[in-house]
């Protein structure tokens, strides 16, 4: 870059004023600044005309943006560059050079071809090389809709967590997370974490927690939404979920197939969990490790569930959201509105909770999962077959229905003090059974190692006496076991 190109208009004006105001000769100024005297004369003439620094601005070339290549060669360069898969610029330059020689035209330089390729519209290049979906995701305008009030619209979706936990057999496994998110406040209405593929049952459990009142008083989000927005997963298009939405007057809307932009808010929450919570847990699986954890997993599913609830209630809900500027819970509670609740909470249990097979009411209550559940209402239904529904997160109570009519809540007295999950109950039973079997094996091995019981055997005597005693003992013990001889056919003569 030349000296004149490096100087700003203000610096040029300062040089010119030394000549115009102080009378310094232009030749001396030109020698000191390292500029041609002709350039200083031109600057002085322009500055005298306007007396502003605008006259000293560097003027762009008159042919900027114009190509000297023929239009047909430019079209050929662009056509070759937009082929799929994308060719290299060197390949395009060789092909166009051959084409120019065939037409008796001068071959374009490599830099000219590269400038033509670089000037192609990025959207056109993406559409040509990566297809419609990539163009839509990167360049199409997106209409961002936000609900005007809380519980106007909820979003539901699943994600496979980047962490491993220990299952019931103490084997590592990656859990799934189903979340129900309020669109207006970004508050988490409910969630469920589980092992295995997502099902309609897990989605129903997340909705049951979202619509019901939470045991944690710091988590006030509850009620029924007007709209439930989800993708086209098999559990979201199941007949069970459609029935739930129909009976609770919820409008079920699915996003467009292959268009994830409409679910960006809940995907952002998944990103928050992945980046801010999971890296601090044992068994975390960072990106780029090919699904392998960097630390050994040690958490159970129930422990991960408790950690997630604390993170949602104490961290995510309490801090201002970067887009709304308000904490999600504070935004959900704003204006003192009343959420829409089901007329009878039992109806929600009938729709959303997991149904077990029919159980017969015994005189001491209902037996389910080797646990006794009692209620005074069951006294009138002894001998009747009822349907029980339960929440896998809390095995302390059952909802009892008779011909799809709600009867009561049956309580397990030994579990009512604490919240015990069905999985914990099954693990406790399995552990107790294993403990008893181990004790049984130890007792049997101890007995097998004892000496032979010879308390009532006759004492050993001398050889003649031994022979005399051996005969009665042999008679008492029966014939000696030896090779079995095959007797011939008995005849009358032999008899």
Protein backbone atom coordinates (compact mmCIF):
# COMPACT_ATOMS: atom_id res chain seq x y z
CA UNK A 1 0.00 0.00 0.00
CA UNK A 2 1.37 3.44 -0.98
CA UNK A 3 1.89 6.32 1.44
CA UNK A 4 -1.01 8.27 -0.03
CA UNK A 5 -3.32 5.30 0.43
CA UNK A 6 -2.37 4.98 4.11
CA UNK A 7 -3.09 8.65 4.94
CA UNK A 8 -6.54 9.60 6.20
CA UNK A 9 -8.35 12.69 4.79
CA UNK A 10 -7.55 14.58 8.01
CA UNK A 11 -3.83 13.85 7.70
CA UNK A 12 -3.90 14.96 4.06
CA UNK A 13 -5.64 18.20 5.06
CA UNK A 14 -2.94 18.87 7.68
CA UNK A 15 -0.23 18.63 5.02
CA UNK A 16 -2.12 20.91 2.64
CA UNK A 17 -2.70 23.55 5.36
CA UNK A 18 1.06 23.76 5.99
CA UNK A 19 1.42 24.88 2.39
CA UNK A 20 -1.66 27.12 2.22
CA UNK A 21 -1.45 28.71 5.67
CA UNK A 22 2.26 28.64 6.50
CA UNK A 23 3.69 28.85 3.01
CA UNK A 24 5.80 25.73 3.23
CA UNK A 25 6.82 24.72 -0.30
CA UNK A 26 5.12 21.64 -1.67
CA UNK A 27 8.45 20.12 -2.72
CA UNK A 28 9.73 20.26 0.87
CA UNK A 29 6.46 18.75 2.21
CA UNK A 30 6.54 16.06 -0.47
CA UNK A 31 10.10 15.07 0.40
CA UNK A 32 9.36 14.95 4.15
CA UNK A 33 6.18 12.87 3.71
CA UNK A 34 7.59 10.61 0.99
CA UNK A 35 4.93 11.66 -1.53
CA UNK A 36 5.17 12.88 -5.11
CA UNK A 37 4.87 16.67 -5.39
CA UNK A 38 2.27 16.16 -8.13
CA UNK A 39 0.00 14.37 -5.63
CA UNK A 40 0.29 17.24 -3.12
CA UNK A 41 -0.60 19.77 -5.84
CA UNK A 42 -3.74 17.81 -6.70
CA UNK A 43 -4.74 17.64 -3.02
CA UNK A 44 -4.18 21.37 -2.58
CA UNK A 45 -6.29 22.21 -5.62
CA UNK A 46 -9.18 19.99 -4.41
CA UNK A 47 -9.00 21.42 -0.90
CA UNK A 48 -9.09 25.04 -2.15
CA UNK A 49 -12.30 24.29 -4.00
CA UNK A 50 -14.41 22.93 -1.09
CA UNK A 51 -12.38 23.69 2.05
CA UNK A 52 -13.52 20.27 3.43
CA UNK A 53 -11.83 16.95 3.94
CA UNK A 54 -14.42 15.28 1.70
CA UNK A 55 -12.47 16.54 -1.32
CA UNK A 56 -9.47 14.53 -0.07
CA UNK A 57 -11.30 11.19 0.11
CA UNK A 58 -9.81 8.45 -2.03
CA UNK A 59 -12.06 8.05 -5.05
CA UNK A 60 -13.08 4.49 -5.98
CA UNK A 61 -12.28 3.11 -9.37
CA UNK A 62 -14.89 3.69 -12.03
CA UNK A 63 -14.90 0.02 -13.06
CA UNK A 64 -15.42 -1.43 -9.56
CA UNK A 65 -17.87 -4.34 -9.68
CA UNK A 66 -17.59 -4.79 -13.43
CA UNK A 67 -16.24 -7.94 -14.98
CA UNK A 68 -14.24 -7.98 -18.16
CA UNK A 69 -15.11 -11.61 -18.78
CA UNK A 70 -17.76 -12.39 -21.39
CA UNK A 71 -21.17 -13.14 -19.92
CA UNK A 72 -21.25 -16.65 -21.36
CA UNK A 73 -17.99 -17.51 -19.56
CA UNK A 74 -19.32 -16.06 -16.31
CA UNK A 75 -22.47 -18.18 -16.67
CA UNK A 76 -20.32 -21.26 -17.37
CA UNK A 77 -18.20 -20.60 -14.26
CA UNK A 78 -21.29 -20.24 -12.08
CA UNK A 79 -22.92 -23.32 -13.58
CA UNK A 80 -19.86 -25.47 -12.97
CA UNK A 81 -19.43 -24.14 -9.41
CA UNK A 82 -23.06 -24.98 -8.56
CA UNK A 83 -22.76 -28.64 -9.54
CA UNK A 84 -23.18 -31.30 -6.89
CA UNK A 85 -20.89 -32.35 -5.33
CA UNK A 86 -19.19 -28.98 -5.23
CA UNK A 87 -16.10 -28.97 -7.49
CA UNK A 88 -12.84 -27.26 -6.62
CA UNK A 89 -12.04 -23.84 -8.04
CA UNK A 90 -9.04 -25.34 -9.83
CA UNK A 91 -11.31 -27.78 -11.66
CA UNK A 92 -13.67 -24.96 -12.68
CA UNK A 93 -10.70 -22.89 -13.91
CA UNK A 94 -9.39 -25.74 -16.07
CA UNK A 95 -12.80 -26.44 -17.60
CA UNK A 96 -13.49 -22.77 -18.37
CA UNK A 97 -10.01 -22.29 -19.83
CA UNK A 98 -10.65 -25.19 -22.23
CA UNK A 99 -14.03 -23.70 -23.12
CA UNK A 100 -12.47 -20.26 -23.79
CA UNK A 101 -9.81 -21.74 -26.08
CA UNK A 102 -12.48 -23.62 -28.05
CA UNK A 103 -14.23 -20.29 -28.64
CA UNK A 104 -11.04 -18.44 -29.49
CA UNK A 105 -11.33 -16.32 -26.34
CA UNK A 106 -8.56 -15.43 -23.89
CA UNK A 107 -8.51 -17.85 -20.96
CA UNK A 108 -9.52 -16.20 -17.66
CA UNK A 109 -7.03 -16.12 -14.82
CA UNK A 110 -7.44 -18.25 -11.74
CA UNK A 111 -8.12 -15.16 -9.58
CA UNK A 112 -10.90 -14.06 -11.95
CA UNK A 113 -12.56 -17.48 -11.74
CA UNK A 114 -12.20 -17.49 -7.97
CA UNK A 115 -13.80 -14.04 -7.70
CA UNK A 116 -16.75 -15.16 -9.80
CA UNK A 117 -17.24 -18.27 -7.65
CA UNK A 118 -16.98 -16.26 -4.43
CA UNK A 119 -19.60 -13.75 -5.68
CA UNK A 120 -22.29 -16.44 -6.06
CA UNK A 121 -25.26 -15.88 -3.74
CA UNK A 122 -24.68 -17.95 -0.53
CA UNK A 123 -28.32 -19.02 -0.53
CA UNK A 124 -28.05 -20.28 -4.10
CA UNK A 125 -24.83 -22.12 -3.26
CA UNK A 126 -26.43 -23.76 -0.19
CA UNK A 127 -29.50 -24.78 -2.17
CA UNK A 128 -27.34 -26.32 -4.91
CA UNK A 129 -24.86 -28.14 -2.68
CA UNK A 130 -26.86 -29.07 0.44
CA UNK A 131 -30.49 -29.20 -0.65
CA UNK A 132 -33.82 -27.68 0.33
CA UNK A 133 -33.71 -28.58 4.00
CA UNK A 134 -30.34 -26.90 4.59
CA UNK A 135 -31.47 -23.81 2.68
CA UNK A 136 -34.67 -23.62 4.72
CA UNK A 137 -32.86 -24.00 8.02
CA UNK A 138 -30.27 -21.34 7.20
CA UNK A 139 -31.87 -18.73 4.95
CA UNK A 140 -35.67 -18.87 5.04
CA UNK A 141 -37.47 -16.32 7.20
CA UNK A 142 -38.94 -17.75 10.41
CA UNK A 143 -42.11 -16.49 12.04
CA UNK A 144 -41.53 -16.54 15.79
CA UNK A 145 -44.74 -16.86 17.72
CA UNK A 146 -44.91 -16.33 21.47
CA UNK A 147 -47.94 -17.10 23.58
CA UNK A 148 -49.60 -14.01 25.01
CA UNK A 149 -50.29 -15.48 28.45
CA UNK A 150 -49.25 -18.42 30.65
CA UNK A 151 -50.74 -21.83 29.87
CA UNK A 152 -51.90 -20.65 26.47
CA UNK A 153 -49.51 -23.09 24.82
CA UNK A 154 -47.26 -25.84 26.12
CA UNK A 155 -44.49 -27.59 24.23
CA UNK A 156 -43.55 -31.23 24.84
CA UNK A 157 -40.55 -33.13 23.56
CA UNK A 158 -37.96 -35.80 24.45
CA UNK A 159 -34.18 -35.86 24.49
CA UNK A 160 -31.55 -38.51 25.21
CA UNK A 161 -29.42 -37.14 28.04
CA UNK A 162 -25.63 -37.04 27.68
CA UNK A 163 -25.08 -38.90 30.94
CA UNK A 164 -25.10 -42.49 32.15
CA UNK A 165 -26.85 -43.80 35.27
CA UNK A 166 -27.00 -47.22 36.90
CA UNK A 167 -30.13 -49.26 36.23
CA UNK A 168 -31.76 -51.83 38.52
CA UNK A 169 -29.02 -54.36 37.67
CA UNK A 170 -26.24 -51.80 38.34
CA UNK A 171 -25.49 -51.60 34.63
CA UNK A 172 -24.78 -48.21 32.95
CA UNK A 173 -27.56 -46.85 30.76
CA UNK A 174 -28.46 -43.50 29.17
CA UNK A 175 -31.79 -42.07 30.37
CA UNK A 176 -34.37 -40.10 28.38
CA UNK A 177 -35.93 -36.83 29.49
CA UNK A 178 -39.47 -35.73 28.59
CA UNK A 179 -40.23 -32.06 29.30
CA UNK A 180 -43.42 -30.00 29.16
CA UNK A 181 -42.54 -26.28 28.78
CA UNK A 182 -44.81 -23.24 29.01
CA UNK A 183 -44.34 -21.17 25.84
CA UNK A 184 -45.04 -17.76 27.40
CA UNK A 185 -42.93 -17.89 30.55
CA UNK A 186 -40.39 -20.61 29.54
CA UNK A 187 -41.22 -22.30 32.88
CA UNK A 188 -41.02 -26.09 33.10
CA UNK A 189 -44.52 -27.35 33.84
CA UNK A 190 -43.51 -30.99 34.25
CA UNK A 191 -41.00 -33.62 33.25
CA UNK A 192 -40.18 -37.30 33.60
CA UNK A 193 -36.83 -39.07 33.34
CA UNK A 194 -36.78 -42.76 32.44
CA UNK A 195 -34.86 -45.62 30.88
CA UNK A 196 -35.94 -47.15 27.60
CA UNK A 197 -37.48 -45.62 24.51
CA UNK A 198 -40.06 -42.82 24.81
CA UNK A 199 -43.63 -44.07 24.99
CA UNK A 200 -47.11 -42.60 25.35
CA UNK A 201 -47.05 -43.73 28.97
CA UNK A 202 -44.01 -41.57 29.79
CA UNK A 203 -45.54 -38.59 28.00
CA UNK A 204 -48.75 -39.06 29.99
CA UNK A 205 -46.78 -39.11 33.25
CA UNK A 206 -45.03 -35.85 32.33
CA UNK A 207 -48.41 -34.26 31.51
CA UNK A 208 -49.85 -35.54 34.79
CA UNK A 209 -47.09 -33.86 36.74
CA UNK A 210 -47.44 -30.69 34.66
CA UNK A 211 -51.19 -30.39 35.20
CA UNK A 212 -51.21 -31.37 38.88
CA UNK A 213 -50.02 -29.56 41.97
CA UNK A 214 -46.41 -30.25 42.89
CA UNK A 215 -45.24 -31.39 46.30
CA UNK A 216 -42.55 -28.68 46.16
CA UNK A 217 -44.18 -25.33 47.10
CA UNK A 218 -41.49 -23.45 45.14
CA UNK A 219 -42.84 -24.98 41.91
CA UNK A 220 -46.26 -23.33 41.37
CA UNK A 221 -46.74 -24.12 37.66
CA UNK A 222 -49.97 -26.09 37.27
CA UNK A 223 -53.22 -26.22 35.31
CA UNK A 224 -54.24 -27.25 31.82
CA UNK A 225 -53.04 -25.56 28.60
CA UNK A 226 -55.18 -24.44 25.71
CA UNK A 227 -52.73 -25.89 23.16
CA UNK A 228 -50.19 -28.71 23.35
CA UNK A 229 -47.49 -28.39 20.67
CA UNK A 230 -45.31 -31.40 19.84
CA UNK A 231 -43.56 -33.19 17.01
CA UNK A 232 -44.68 -36.29 15.10
CA UNK A 233 -43.22 -38.88 17.49
CA UNK A 234 -45.17 -42.10 17.80
CA UNK A 235 -46.13 -41.31 21.39
CA UNK A 236 -47.40 -37.81 20.49
CA UNK A 237 -49.66 -39.13 17.73
CA UNK A 238 -50.94 -42.07 19.78
CA UNK A 239 -54.64 -42.66 20.36
CA UNK A 240 -54.12 -42.39 24.11
CA UNK A 241 -52.74 -38.85 23.94
CA UNK A 242 -55.47 -37.80 21.53
CA UNK A 243 -58.08 -39.08 23.96
CA UNK A 244 -56.43 -37.24 26.85
CA UNK A 245 -56.42 -33.95 24.92
CA UNK A 246 -60.02 -34.45 23.78
CA UNK A 247 -61.33 -35.15 27.28
CA UNK A 248 -59.38 -32.28 28.88
CA UNK A 249 -60.27 -29.79 26.10
CA UNK A 250 -56.66 -29.36 24.96
CA UNK A 251 -55.96 -28.64 21.30
CA UNK A 252 -53.18 -30.93 20.08
CA UNK A 253 -50.99 -29.39 17.34
CA UNK A 254 -48.05 -31.11 15.65
CA UNK A 255 -45.11 -29.31 14.06
CA UNK A 256 -44.29 -29.71 10.38
CA UNK A 257 -42.40 -32.87 9.54
CA UNK A 258 -38.68 -32.18 9.26
CA UNK A 259 -38.98 -28.56 10.45
CA UNK A 260 -37.50 -28.24 13.96
CA UNK A 261 -37.59 -24.42 14.09
CA UNK A 262 -41.01 -24.39 15.74
CA UNK A 263 -39.63 -26.28 18.74
CA UNK A 264 -36.66 -24.01 19.35
CA UNK A 265 -37.72 -22.94 22.85
CA UNK A 266 -37.81 -26.42 24.32
CA UNK A 267 -34.64 -27.37 22.41
CA UNK A 268 -32.97 -24.39 24.05
CA UNK A 269 -33.93 -25.73 27.48
CA UNK A 270 -32.42 -29.09 26.54
CA UNK A 271 -29.24 -27.24 25.62
CA UNK A 272 -29.26 -25.52 29.01
CA UNK A 273 -29.48 -28.87 30.81
CA UNK A 274 -26.74 -30.35 28.61
CA UNK A 275 -24.31 -27.47 29.06
CA UNK A 276 -24.97 -26.33 32.64
CA UNK A 277 -26.08 -29.40 34.61
CA UNK A 278 -24.81 -32.63 33.07
CA UNK A 279 -21.07 -31.70 32.93
CA UNK A 280 -21.07 -31.60 36.76
CA UNK A 281 -22.50 -35.13 37.16
CA UNK A 282 -20.63 -38.46 37.23
CA UNK A 283 -21.09 -40.39 34.01
CA UNK A 284 -21.23 -37.28 31.81
CA UNK A 285 -20.76 -37.89 28.07
CA UNK A 286 -19.19 -34.79 26.47
CA UNK A 287 -19.41 -34.12 22.77
CA UNK A 288 -16.74 -35.87 20.74
CA UNK A 289 -16.25 -38.89 23.02
CA UNK A 290 -18.31 -41.25 20.80
CA UNK A 291 -20.88 -41.85 23.50
CA UNK A 292 -18.36 -42.81 26.19
CA UNK A 293 -18.49 -41.13 29.62
CA UNK A 294 -15.37 -39.42 30.94
CA UNK A 295 -16.16 -40.48 34.52
CA UNK A 296 -17.68 -43.67 35.88
CA UNK A 297 -21.47 -43.48 36.38
CA UNK A 298 -22.63 -43.74 39.98
CA UNK A 299 -26.07 -42.09 40.10
CA UNK A 300 -29.33 -44.02 40.11
CA UNK A 301 -32.35 -42.89 38.12
CA UNK A 302 -34.09 -41.66 41.27
CA UNK A 303 -31.05 -39.59 42.25
CA UNK A 304 -30.89 -38.02 38.78
CA UNK A 305 -34.61 -37.23 39.07
CA UNK A 306 -34.01 -35.34 42.32
CA UNK A 307 -31.05 -33.45 40.85
CA UNK A 308 -33.12 -32.40 37.85
CA UNK A 309 -35.94 -31.10 40.04
CA UNK A 310 -33.55 -29.03 42.16
CA UNK A 311 -31.92 -27.61 39.04
CA UNK A 312 -35.28 -26.64 37.53
CA UNK A 313 -36.79 -25.15 40.69
CA UNK A 314 -33.77 -23.56 42.36
CA UNK A 315 -31.65 -22.54 39.38
CA UNK A 316 -33.50 -22.36 36.05
CA UNK A 317 -36.78 -20.94 37.41
CA UNK A 318 -35.07 -18.44 39.71
CA UNK A 319 -32.79 -16.59 37.27
CA UNK A 320 -33.89 -14.14 34.55
CA UNK A 321 -34.35 -15.68 31.14
CA UNK A 322 -32.05 -14.15 28.53
CA UNK A 323 -34.90 -13.59 26.06
CA UNK A 324 -37.82 -12.56 28.30
CA UNK A 325 -35.70 -10.75 30.88
CA UNK A 326 -37.75 -12.28 33.72
CA UNK A 327 -37.40 -15.42 35.83
CA UNK A 328 -39.73 -18.07 34.39
CA UNK A 329 -41.72 -18.54 37.60
CA UNK A 330 -42.15 -14.80 38.11
CA UNK A 331 -43.36 -14.42 34.53
CA UNK A 332 -45.77 -17.33 34.97
CA UNK A 333 -47.21 -15.82 38.19
CA UNK A 334 -47.53 -12.28 36.77
CA UNK A 335 -50.91 -10.50 36.80
CA UNK A 336 -52.37 -12.85 39.41
CA UNK A 337 -54.31 -15.04 37.01
CA UNK A 338 -56.02 -18.37 37.79
CA UNK A 339 -55.02 -21.46 35.80
CA UNK A 340 -57.64 -23.73 34.27
CA UNK A 341 -57.93 -26.90 36.33
CA UNK A 342 -59.87 -30.11 35.65
CA UNK A 343 -63.33 -30.23 37.22
CA UNK A 344 -62.39 -33.44 39.01
CA UNK A 345 -58.69 -34.24 39.56
CA UNK A 346 -59.59 -37.92 39.57
CA UNK A 347 -60.55 -37.64 35.90
CA UNK A 348 -56.98 -36.59 35.13
CA UNK A 349 -55.68 -39.62 37.00
CA UNK A 350 -57.96 -41.87 34.97
CA UNK A 351 -56.55 -40.47 31.72
CA UNK A 352 -52.86 -40.08 32.50
CA UNK A 353 -51.74 -42.51 35.17
CA UNK A 354 -50.43 -45.98 34.42
CA UNK A 355 -53.14 -48.63 34.62
CA UNK A 356 -52.43 -52.02 36.17
CA UNK A 357 -54.44 -55.17 35.61
CA UNK A 358 -57.59 -55.69 37.63
CA UNK A 359 -57.20 -56.45 41.32
CA UNK A 360 -59.64 -58.23 43.60
CA UNK A 361 -60.46 -56.45 46.85
CA UNK A 362 -59.54 -58.69 49.78
CA UNK A 363 -60.70 -58.33 53.36
CA UNK A 364 -57.38 -56.67 54.27
CA UNK A 365 -57.33 -54.36 51.23
CA UNK A 366 -55.73 -54.58 47.79
CA UNK A 367 -52.54 -56.45 47.06
CA UNK A 368 -50.35 -54.80 44.42
CA UNK A 369 -46.63 -55.34 43.84
CA UNK A 370 -46.44 -57.42 47.04
CA UNK A 371 -47.73 -54.46 49.04
CA UNK A 372 -51.03 -54.03 50.89
CA UNK A 373 -53.11 -50.91 50.19
CA UNK A 374 -56.08 -50.02 52.41
CA UNK A 375 -58.94 -47.53 52.42
CA UNK A 376 -62.23 -47.44 54.37
CA UNK A 377 -64.14 -47.13 51.10
CA UNK A 378 -62.99 -50.60 50.05
CA UNK A 379 -65.10 -52.22 52.80
CA UNK A 380 -68.14 -52.11 50.53
CA UNK A 381 -66.27 -53.74 47.63
CA UNK A 382 -64.77 -56.85 49.23
CA UNK A 383 -64.69 -59.58 46.59
CA UNK A 384 -65.16 -57.10 43.72
CA UNK A 385 -62.63 -56.65 40.92
CA UNK A 386 -61.35 -53.07 40.60
CA UNK A 387 -58.81 -51.23 38.42
CA UNK A 388 -55.87 -49.58 40.12
CA UNK A 389 -53.81 -46.76 38.63
CA UNK A 390 -50.50 -45.60 40.00
CA UNK A 391 -47.67 -43.16 39.53
CA UNK A 392 -44.32 -45.00 39.18
CA UNK A 393 -42.68 -42.11 41.03
CA UNK A 394 -44.81 -42.71 44.15
CA UNK A 395 -45.73 -46.25 45.17
CA UNK A 396 -47.27 -45.10 48.48
CA UNK A 397 -50.81 -44.81 47.10
CA UNK A 398 -53.08 -46.17 44.39
CA UNK A 399 -56.10 -44.66 42.65
CA UNK A 400 -58.90 -47.21 42.66
CA UNK A 401 -61.62 -47.28 39.98
CA UNK A 402 -64.70 -49.47 39.67
CA UNK A 403 -66.21 -49.65 36.17
CA UNK A 404 -64.15 -46.55 35.24
CA UNK A 405 -65.67 -44.63 38.16
CA UNK A 406 -63.32 -43.23 40.77
CA UNK A 407 -63.64 -44.83 44.19
CA UNK A 408 -60.82 -43.75 46.46
CA UNK A 409 -57.11 -43.52 47.09
CA UNK A 410 -55.72 -46.59 48.77
CA UNK A 411 -52.67 -46.05 50.98
CA UNK A 412 -49.83 -48.41 51.83
CA UNK A 413 -49.39 -47.86 55.60
CA UNK A 414 -45.71 -48.84 55.62
CA UNK A 415 -44.92 -46.46 52.71
CA UNK A 416 -47.20 -43.54 53.49
CA UNK A 417 -44.63 -41.65 55.56
CA UNK A 418 -42.15 -41.36 52.71
CA UNK A 419 -42.41 -41.16 48.95
CA UNK A 420 -41.21 -44.48 47.59
CA UNK A 421 -41.09 -45.25 43.90
CA UNK A 422 -42.25 -48.55 42.49
CA UNK A 423 -38.75 -49.22 41.21
CA UNK A 424 -37.29 -48.67 44.68
CA UNK A 425 -39.87 -51.04 46.11
CA UNK A 426 -38.99 -53.73 43.57
CA UNK A 427 -35.27 -53.25 44.14
CA UNK A 428 -35.76 -53.58 47.91
CA UNK A 429 -37.70 -56.82 47.47
CA UNK A 430 -35.07 -58.20 45.10
CA UNK A 431 -32.24 -57.26 47.44
CA UNK A 432 -34.02 -58.92 50.39
CA UNK A 433 -34.62 -62.08 48.38
CA UNK A 434 -30.96 -62.22 47.35
CA UNK A 435 -29.92 -61.70 50.97
CA UNK A 436 -32.07 -64.58 52.18
CA UNK A 437 -30.82 -66.88 49.42
CA UNK A 438 -27.22 -66.05 50.34
CA UNK A 439 -27.93 -66.89 53.97
CA UNK A 440 -29.53 -70.17 52.89
CA UNK A 441 -26.48 -71.10 50.80
CA UNK A 442 -24.16 -70.31 53.71
CA UNK A 443 -26.20 -72.45 56.12
CA UNK A 444 -26.31 -75.38 53.70
CA UNK A 445 -22.58 -75.24 53.04
CA UNK A 446 -21.97 -75.17 56.80
CA UNK A 447 -24.05 -78.31 57.28
CA UNK A 448 -22.30 -80.09 54.43
CA UNK A 449 -18.93 -79.49 56.10
CA UNK A 450 -19.96 -81.15 59.38
CA UNK A 451 -18.62 -84.69 60.19
CA UNK A 452 -20.74 -87.72 59.42
CA UNK A 453 -23.42 -88.48 61.99
CA UNK A 454 -22.38 -91.91 63.44
CA UNK A 455 -24.00 -91.61 66.85
CA UNK A 456 -26.16 -94.74 66.51
CA UNK A 457 -23.78 -96.86 64.46
CA UNK A 458 -22.38 -99.95 66.28
CA UNK A 459 -18.85 -99.55 67.58
CA UNK A 460 -16.08 -101.34 65.69
CA UNK A 461 -15.10 -104.85 67.03
CA UNK A 462 -12.58 -107.60 66.23
CA UNK A 463 -12.53 -109.37 62.92
CA UNK A 464 -14.64 -112.51 63.81
CA UNK A 465 -17.19 -110.37 65.54
CA UNK A 466 -17.16 -108.00 62.62
CA UNK A 467 -18.06 -110.80 60.33
CA UNK A 468 -20.87 -111.86 62.65
CA UNK A 469 -22.22 -108.33 62.85
CA UNK A 470 -21.79 -107.59 59.17
CA UNK A 471 -24.30 -110.19 58.11
CA UNK A 472 -27.25 -108.67 60.08
CA UNK A 473 -26.25 -105.17 58.93
CA UNK A 474 -26.07 -106.34 55.33
CA UNK A 475 -29.49 -107.85 55.73
CA UNK A 476 -30.83 -104.56 57.14
CA UNK A 477 -29.25 -102.50 54.37
CA UNK A 478 -30.64 -104.72 51.64
CA UNK A 479 -28.84 -106.40 48.81
CA UNK A 480 -25.55 -104.92 47.69
CA UNK A 481 -25.69 -102.64 44.74
CA UNK A 482 -23.74 -104.13 41.90
CA UNK A 483 -24.07 -104.96 38.26
CA UNK A 484 -27.58 -106.12 37.63
CA UNK A 485 -27.71 -109.71 36.28
CA UNK A 486 -30.30 -110.55 33.74
CA UNK A 487 -32.35 -113.57 34.81
CA UNK A 488 -33.59 -116.03 32.25
CA UNK A 489 -37.18 -116.96 31.73
CA UNK A 490 -38.49 -118.82 34.73
CA UNK A 491 -40.12 -122.17 33.97
CA UNK A 492 -42.18 -124.57 36.01
CA UNK A 493 -39.32 -127.02 36.00
CA UNK A 494 -36.99 -124.43 37.48
CA UNK A 495 -39.59 -123.52 40.10
